[in-house]
Protein backbone atom coordinates (compact mmCIF):
# COMPACT_ATOMS: atom_id res chain seq x y z
CA MET A 1 21.52 -15.65 -11.35
CA GLN A 2 19.66 -12.43 -12.02
CA ARG A 3 21.41 -9.22 -11.00
CA HIS A 4 18.74 -8.06 -8.53
CA LEU A 5 19.09 -11.38 -6.65
CA ARG A 6 22.81 -10.90 -5.94
CA LEU A 7 24.48 -9.40 -2.89
CA ARG A 8 27.33 -7.25 -4.17
CA HIS A 9 27.99 -4.43 -1.73
CA ARG A 10 30.43 -4.70 1.14
CA ALA A 11 27.87 -3.11 3.48
CA ASP A 12 25.37 -5.91 2.78
CA PHE A 13 27.94 -8.59 3.61
CA ALA A 14 28.96 -6.69 6.77
CA ARG A 15 25.31 -6.41 7.87
CA LEU A 16 24.86 -10.16 7.41
CA ARG A 17 28.00 -10.85 9.40
CA ARG A 18 26.78 -8.56 12.19
CA GLU A 19 23.05 -9.33 12.31
CA GLY A 20 22.65 -12.67 10.54
CA ARG A 21 22.06 -16.07 12.02
CA THR A 22 24.58 -18.75 11.04
CA TRP A 23 24.30 -22.47 10.28
CA ARG A 24 27.30 -24.73 9.63
CA HIS A 25 27.98 -27.80 7.54
CA PRO A 26 31.40 -29.40 6.89
CA PHE A 27 31.26 -28.10 3.29
CA LEU A 28 29.93 -24.59 3.86
CA ILE A 29 28.41 -21.99 6.15
CA LEU A 30 25.06 -20.26 5.64
CA SER A 31 24.37 -16.85 7.11
CA ALA A 32 20.88 -15.35 6.69
CA THR A 33 18.87 -12.38 7.86
CA PRO A 34 15.57 -10.76 6.79
CA ASN A 35 16.05 -8.02 4.18
CA GLY A 36 12.65 -6.28 4.10
CA ARG A 37 12.23 -6.94 0.37
CA ALA A 38 9.82 -9.10 -1.59
CA HIS A 39 12.65 -11.32 -2.87
CA ASN A 40 15.80 -13.01 -1.64
CA ARG A 41 19.34 -11.91 -2.37
CA TYR A 42 22.31 -14.27 -2.38
CA GLY A 43 26.05 -13.94 -1.92
CA PHE A 44 28.78 -16.54 -2.37
CA ILE A 45 32.20 -16.38 -0.73
CA THR A 46 35.13 -18.54 -1.77
CA SER A 47 38.40 -17.58 -0.09
CA LYS A 48 41.86 -18.11 -1.50
CA LYS A 49 42.33 -20.89 1.06
CA LEU A 50 40.23 -23.12 -1.24
CA GLY A 51 42.78 -23.05 -4.04
CA ASN A 52 43.48 -21.27 -7.30
CA ALA A 53 40.98 -19.18 -9.31
CA VAL A 54 39.75 -22.17 -11.31
CA THR A 55 38.91 -24.07 -8.12
CA ARG A 56 37.21 -21.09 -6.50
CA ASN A 57 35.16 -20.29 -9.61
CA ARG A 58 34.03 -23.90 -10.03
CA THR A 59 32.97 -24.03 -6.39
CA ARG A 60 31.08 -20.75 -6.73
CA ARG A 61 29.34 -21.94 -9.91
CA LEU A 62 28.23 -25.17 -8.20
CA MET A 63 26.81 -23.29 -5.21
CA ARG A 64 25.12 -20.72 -7.44
CA GLU A 65 23.45 -23.42 -9.56
CA VAL A 66 22.07 -25.26 -6.52
CA VAL A 67 20.65 -22.02 -5.11
CA ARG A 68 19.24 -21.02 -8.53
CA GLN A 69 17.30 -24.29 -8.72
CA ALA A 70 16.14 -24.05 -5.10
CA HIS A 71 15.15 -20.36 -5.40
CA PRO A 72 11.44 -20.94 -6.25
CA ARG A 73 11.06 -23.11 -3.11
CA LEU A 74 12.71 -20.63 -0.71
CA ARG A 75 10.86 -18.31 1.65
CA PRO A 76 11.14 -14.77 0.24
CA GLY A 77 12.53 -11.72 2.03
CA TYR A 78 16.00 -12.89 3.13
CA ASP A 79 19.61 -12.08 2.40
CA MET A 80 21.75 -15.22 2.39
CA VAL A 81 25.50 -15.72 2.15
CA PHE A 82 27.06 -19.09 1.45
CA ILE A 83 30.70 -19.39 2.55
CA ALA A 84 32.62 -22.32 1.07
CA ARG A 85 34.87 -24.39 3.34
CA LYS A 86 37.92 -26.40 2.26
CA PRO A 87 36.21 -29.85 2.16
CA ILE A 88 33.82 -28.65 -0.60
CA VAL A 89 36.68 -28.61 -3.12
CA GLY A 90 36.35 -31.48 -5.59
CA GLN A 91 32.89 -32.52 -4.40
CA PRO A 92 30.34 -33.54 -7.05
CA TYR A 93 27.22 -31.47 -7.71
CA ARG A 94 24.99 -33.87 -5.77
CA ALA A 95 27.06 -33.54 -2.57
CA VAL A 96 27.02 -29.74 -2.79
CA GLN A 97 23.27 -29.82 -3.44
CA GLU A 98 22.63 -32.00 -0.39
CA ALA A 99 24.77 -29.73 1.81
CA ILE A 100 23.00 -26.54 0.72
CA LEU A 101 19.51 -28.05 0.99
CA HIS A 102 20.40 -29.40 4.44
CA LEU A 103 21.42 -25.92 5.63
CA LEU A 104 18.33 -24.30 4.09
CA ARG A 105 16.11 -26.83 5.91
CA GLN A 106 17.94 -26.18 9.19
CA ALA A 107 17.35 -22.45 8.72
CA HIS A 108 13.65 -23.09 7.91
CA LEU A 109 14.08 -21.22 4.64
CA LEU A 110 13.12 -24.11 2.37
CA GLU A 111 9.40 -24.61 1.82
CA GLU A 112 9.03 -28.36 1.40
CA ARG A 113 6.16 -29.55 -0.74
CA PRO A 114 5.14 -33.19 -0.16
CA GLU A 115 5.46 -34.14 -3.86
CA GLU A 116 9.00 -32.69 -4.07
CA GLN A 117 10.59 -34.34 -1.04
CA GLU A 118 13.63 -36.45 -1.79
CA PRO A 119 13.65 -40.17 -0.92
């Protein structure tokens, strides 16, 4: 993911926690708030409760790849943080993709195009 699309500063994460709206799924939590920019920024949180570094990094890579592919279809101008929950560990790519897309639809951040809708 490109550097300007990442949330990296503690203050940004704190602002999302304070001002953001939250949506939950058994695999993860999405928190989002408008950022006043022309593009979205994304953050990914995987706590040590998920497992060792290998497990956390794999989970983060899966989430990042799903968001990278969904990025062109997302409404611009939002900061989003995806927080992994314990049940996400060991899930295949498809399950993680469905969970993230479900949350993005709930948050009305995904712009569905009729030809791209899943069966």
